[in-house]
Amino acid sequence: MTHRDQTSLDPEVIDNTLGVLLKYQDDIARVKGSEAARLLEEVRAGVGEAR
């Protein structure tokens, strides 16, 4: 599955594309799921503050 045409992020897109950002399977496993959702919320909060 490709997500090159994505215009927004959600936890599923992050989970499906972690291999592009992270080299090791241990790192990917650590970030998948709830951690991906938490990081996304943190980024969204930071973007909201920047506006």
PDB file of N, CA and C in Angstrom:
ATOM      1  N   MET A   1       0.840  -1.172   0.000  1.00  0.00           N
ATOM      2  CA  MET A   1       0.000   0.000   0.000  1.00  0.00           C
ATOM      3  C   MET A   1       0.887   1.238   0.000  1.00  0.00           C
ATOM      4  N   THR A   2       0.567   2.186  -0.847  1.00  0.00           N
ATOM      5  CA  THR A   2       1.348   3.411  -0.915  1.00  0.00           C
ATOM      6  C   THR A   2       0.544   4.585  -0.369  1.00  0.00           C
ATOM      7  N   HIS A   3       1.225   5.492   0.244  1.00  0.00           N
ATOM      8  CA  HIS A   3       0.572   6.666   0.820  1.00  0.00           C
ATOM      9  C   HIS A   3       1.217   7.948   0.313  1.00  0.00           C
ATOM     10  N   ARG A   4       1.758   7.896  -0.885  1.00  0.00           N
ATOM     11  CA  ARG A   4       2.413   9.087  -1.424  1.00  0.00           C
ATOM     12  C   ARG A   4       1.443  10.216  -1.692  1.00  0.00           C
ATOM     13  N   ASP A   5       0.169   9.901  -1.900  1.00  0.00           N
ATOM     14  CA  ASP A   5      -0.808  10.935  -2.196  1.00  0.00           C
ATOM     15  C   ASP A   5      -1.541  11.443  -0.957  1.00  0.00           C
ATOM     16  N   GLN A   6      -1.080  11.059   0.222  1.00  0.00           N
ATOM     17  CA  GLN A   6      -1.694  11.499   1.472  1.00  0.00           C
ATOM     18  C   GLN A   6      -1.543  12.996   1.639  1.00  0.00           C
ATOM     19  N   THR A   7      -2.603  13.645   2.089  1.00  0.00           N
ATOM     20  CA  THR A   7      -2.535  15.068   2.391  1.00  0.00           C
ATOM     21  C   THR A   7      -2.661  15.345   3.877  1.00  0.00           C
ATOM     22  N   SER A   8      -2.888  14.279   4.658  1.00  0.00           N
ATOM     23  CA  SER A   8      -2.946  14.426   6.108  1.00  0.00           C
ATOM     24  C   SER A   8      -2.437  13.136   6.750  1.00  0.00           C
ATOM     25  N   LEU A   9      -2.069  13.260   8.006  1.00  0.00           N
ATOM     26  CA  LEU A   9      -1.558  12.101   8.741  1.00  0.00           C
ATOM     27  C   LEU A   9      -2.603  11.577   9.703  1.00  0.00           C
ATOM     28  N   ASP A  10      -2.590  10.276   9.875  1.00  0.00           N
ATOM     29  CA  ASP A  10      -3.344   9.642  10.944  1.00  0.00           C
ATOM     30  C   ASP A  10      -2.489   8.473  11.426  1.00  0.00           C
ATOM     31  N   PRO A  11      -2.808   7.905  12.571  1.00  0.00           N
ATOM     32  CA  PRO A  11      -1.957   6.834  13.112  1.00  0.00           C
ATOM     33  C   PRO A  11      -1.744   5.664  12.144  1.00  0.00           C
ATOM     34  N   GLU A  12      -2.756   5.303  11.361  1.00  0.00           N
ATOM     35  CA  GLU A  12      -2.606   4.195  10.415  1.00  0.00           C
ATOM     36  C   GLU A  12      -1.579   4.517   9.330  1.00  0.00           C
ATOM     37  N   VAL A  13      -1.619   5.728   8.793  1.00  0.00           N
ATOM     38  CA  VAL A  13      -0.644   6.134   7.776  1.00  0.00           C
ATOM     39  C   VAL A  13       0.758   6.118   8.366  1.00  0.00           C
ATOM     40  N   ILE A  14       0.887   6.613   9.581  1.00  0.00           N
ATOM     41  CA  ILE A  14       2.197   6.606  10.241  1.00  0.00           C
ATOM     42  C   ILE A  14       2.698   5.176  10.390  1.00  0.00           C
ATOM     43  N   ASP A  15       1.843   4.290  10.901  1.00  0.00           N
ATOM     44  CA  ASP A  15       2.242   2.890  11.081  1.00  0.00           C
ATOM     45  C   ASP A  15       2.681   2.262   9.766  1.00  0.00           C
ATOM     46  N   ASN A  16       1.973   2.577   8.686  1.00  0.00           N
ATOM     47  CA  ASN A  16       2.262   1.961   7.393  1.00  0.00           C
ATOM     48  C   ASN A  16       3.499   2.531   6.700  1.00  0.00           C
ATOM     49  N   THR A  17       4.017   3.645   7.168  1.00  0.00           N
ATOM     50  CA  THR A  17       5.164   4.268   6.503  1.00  0.00           C
ATOM     51  C   THR A  17       6.386   4.414   7.406  1.00  0.00           C
ATOM     52  N   LEU A  18       6.362   3.816   8.583  1.00  0.00           N
ATOM     53  CA  LEU A  18       7.495   3.946   9.500  1.00  0.00           C
ATOM     54  C   LEU A  18       8.793   3.403   8.921  1.00  0.00           C
ATOM     55  N   GLY A  19       8.719   2.417   8.046  1.00  0.00           N
ATOM     56  CA  GLY A  19       9.914   1.844   7.448  1.00  0.00           C
ATOM     57  C   GLY A  19      10.705   2.845   6.623  1.00  0.00           C
ATOM     58  N   VAL A  20      10.051   3.896   6.180  1.00  0.00           N
ATOM     59  CA  VAL A  20      10.739   4.946   5.420  1.00  0.00           C
ATOM     60  C   VAL A  20      11.612   5.783   6.356  1.00  0.00           C
ATOM     61  N   LEU A  21      11.153   5.943   7.582  1.00  0.00           N
ATOM     62  CA  LEU A  21      11.855   6.798   8.539  1.00  0.00           C
ATOM     63  C   LEU A  21      12.798   6.056   9.462  1.00  0.00           C
ATOM     64  N   LEU A  22      12.451   4.828   9.795  1.00  0.00           N
ATOM     65  CA  LEU A  22      13.203   4.077  10.794  1.00  0.00           C
ATOM     66  C   LEU A  22      13.840   2.846  10.167  1.00  0.00           C
ATOM     67  N   LYS A  23      15.068   2.579  10.516  1.00  0.00           N
ATOM     68  CA  LYS A  23      15.834   1.492   9.906  1.00  0.00           C
ATOM     69  C   LYS A  23      15.586   0.141  10.570  1.00  0.00           C
ATOM     70  N   TYR A  24      15.464   0.114  11.871  1.00  0.00           N
ATOM     71  CA  TYR A  24      15.426  -1.146  12.607  1.00  0.00           C
ATOM     72  C   TYR A  24      14.008  -1.526  13.006  1.00  0.00           C
ATOM     73  N   GLN A  25      13.685  -2.819  12.903  1.00  0.00           N
ATOM     74  CA  GLN A  25      12.359  -3.319  13.257  1.00  0.00           C
ATOM     75  C   GLN A  25      12.010  -3.032  14.717  1.00  0.00           C
ATOM     76  N   ASP A  26      12.996  -3.063  15.601  1.00  0.00           N
ATOM     77  CA  ASP A  26      12.740  -2.744  17.011  1.00  0.00           C
ATOM     78  C   ASP A  26      12.232  -1.312  17.160  1.00  0.00           C
ATOM     79  N   ASP A  27      12.820  -0.390  16.412  1.00  0.00           N
ATOM     80  CA  ASP A  27      12.384   1.005  16.457  1.00  0.00           C
ATOM     81  C   ASP A  27      10.976   1.156  15.899  1.00  0.00           C
ATOM     82  N   ILE A  28      10.695   0.463  14.799  1.00  0.00           N
ATOM     83  CA  ILE A  28       9.363   0.512  14.201  1.00  0.00           C
ATOM     84  C   ILE A  28       8.333  -0.020  15.183  1.00  0.00           C
ATOM     85  N   ALA A  29       8.611  -1.138  15.808  1.00  0.00           N
ATOM     86  CA  ALA A  29       7.686  -1.730  16.775  1.00  0.00           C
ATOM     87  C   ALA A  29       7.447  -0.800  17.956  1.00  0.00           C
ATOM     88  N   ARG A  30       8.468  -0.074  18.365  1.00  0.00           N
ATOM     89  CA  ARG A  30       8.357   0.837  19.505  1.00  0.00           C
ATOM     90  C   ARG A  30       7.433   2.012  19.203  1.00  0.00           C
ATOM     91  N   VAL A  31       7.405   2.461  17.956  1.00  0.00           N
ATOM     92  CA  VAL A  31       6.643   3.646  17.586  1.00  0.00           C
ATOM     93  C   VAL A  31       5.227   3.319  17.114  1.00  0.00           C
ATOM     94  N   LYS A  32       5.000   2.119  16.625  1.00  0.00           N
ATOM     95  CA  LYS A  32       3.681   1.760  16.080  1.00  0.00           C
ATOM     96  C   LYS A  32       2.565   1.882  17.107  1.00  0.00           C
ATOM     97  N   GLY A  33       1.361   2.058  16.597  1.00  0.00           N
ATOM     98  CA  GLY A  33       0.165   2.033  17.430  1.00  0.00           C
ATOM     99  C   GLY A  33      -0.017   3.263  18.279  1.00  0.00           C
ATOM    100  N   SER A  34      -0.188   3.052  19.572  1.00  0.00           N
ATOM    101  CA  SER A  34      -0.513   4.165  20.463  1.00  0.00           C
ATOM    102  C   SER A  34       0.599   5.204  20.523  1.00  0.00           C
ATOM    103  N   GLU A  35       1.840   4.788  20.379  1.00  0.00           N
ATOM    104  CA  GLU A  35       2.945   5.757  20.388  1.00  0.00           C
ATOM    105  C   GLU A  35       2.878   6.642  19.152  1.00  0.00           C
ATOM    106  N   ALA A  36       2.517   6.094  18.007  1.00  0.00           N
ATOM    107  CA  ALA A  36       2.359   6.894  16.785  1.00  0.00           C
ATOM    108  C   ALA A  36       1.241   7.908  16.982  1.00  0.00           C
ATOM    109  N   ALA A  37       0.146   7.489  17.579  1.00  0.00           N
ATOM    110  CA  ALA A  37      -0.970   8.401  17.833  1.00  0.00           C
ATOM    111  C   ALA A  37      -0.550   9.508  18.796  1.00  0.00           C
ATOM    112  N   ARG A  38       0.206   9.163  19.822  1.00  0.00           N
ATOM    113  CA  ARG A  38       0.666  10.169  20.789  1.00  0.00           C
ATOM    114  C   ARG A  38       1.581  11.193  20.133  1.00  0.00           C
ATOM    115  N   LEU A  39       2.500  10.712  19.307  1.00  0.00           N
ATOM    116  CA  LEU A  39       3.409  11.621  18.606  1.00  0.00           C
ATOM    117  C   LEU A  39       2.658  12.544  17.650  1.00  0.00           C
ATOM    118  N   LEU A  40       1.668  12.004  16.955  1.00  0.00           N
ATOM    119  CA  LEU A  40       0.869  12.810  16.045  1.00  0.00           C
ATOM    120  C   LEU A  40       0.134  13.909  16.802  1.00  0.00           C
ATOM    121  N   GLU A  41      -0.448  13.585  17.941  1.00  0.00           N
ATOM    122  CA  GLU A  41      -1.139  14.587  18.745  1.00  0.00           C
ATOM    123  C   GLU A  41      -0.174  15.662  19.243  1.00  0.00           C
ATOM    124  N   GLU A  42       1.036  15.261  19.604  1.00  0.00           N
ATOM    125  CA  GLU A  42       2.052  16.213  20.051  1.00  0.00           C
ATOM    126  C   GLU A  42       2.418  17.175  18.932  1.00  0.00           C
ATOM    127  N   VAL A  43       2.579  16.647  17.731  1.00  0.00           N
ATOM    128  CA  VAL A  43       2.913  17.492  16.569  1.00  0.00           C
ATOM    129  C   VAL A  43       1.751  18.430  16.259  1.00  0.00           C
ATOM    130  N   ARG A  44       0.539  17.904  16.276  1.00  0.00           N
ATOM    131  CA  ARG A  44      -0.631  18.748  15.997  1.00  0.00           C
ATOM    132  C   ARG A  44      -0.747  19.873  17.023  1.00  0.00           C
ATOM    133  N   ALA A  45      -0.488  19.579  18.272  1.00  0.00           N
ATOM    134  CA  ALA A  45      -0.546  20.602  19.311  1.00  0.00           C
ATOM    135  C   ALA A  45       0.508  21.676  19.059  1.00  0.00           C
ATOM    136  N   GLY A  46       1.701  21.260  18.651  1.00  0.00           N
ATOM    137  CA  GLY A  46       2.778  22.210  18.347  1.00  0.00           C
ATOM    138  C   GLY A  46       2.447  23.075  17.149  1.00  0.00           C
ATOM    139  N   VAL A  47       1.801  22.516  16.148  1.00  0.00           N
ATOM    140  CA  VAL A  47       1.412  23.277  14.964  1.00  0.00           C
ATOM    141  C   VAL A  47       0.334  24.277  15.338  1.00  0.00           C
ATOM    142  N   GLY A  48      -0.592  23.854  16.190  1.00  0.00           N
ATOM    143  CA  GLY A  48      -1.643  24.759  16.630  1.00  0.00           C
ATOM    144  C   GLY A  48      -1.086  25.950  17.408  1.00  0.00           C
ATOM    145  N   GLU A  49      -0.063  25.721  18.195  1.00  0.00           N
ATOM    146  CA  GLU A  49       0.574  26.795  18.956  1.00  0.00           C
ATOM    147  C   GLU A  49       1.323  27.750  18.046  1.00  0.00           C
ATOM    148  N   ALA A  50       1.848  27.237  16.935  1.00  0.00           N
ATOM    149  CA  ALA A  50       2.630  28.058  16.028  1.00  0.00           C
ATOM    150  C   ALA A  50       1.755  29.001  15.204  1.00  0.00           C
ATOM    151  N   ARG A  51       0.480  28.679  15.115  1.00  0.00           N
ATOM    152  CA  ARG A  51      -0.424  29.518  14.282  1.00  0.00           C
ATOM    153  C   ARG A  51      -0.790  30.762  14.952  1.00  0.00           C
TER     154      ARG A  51
END
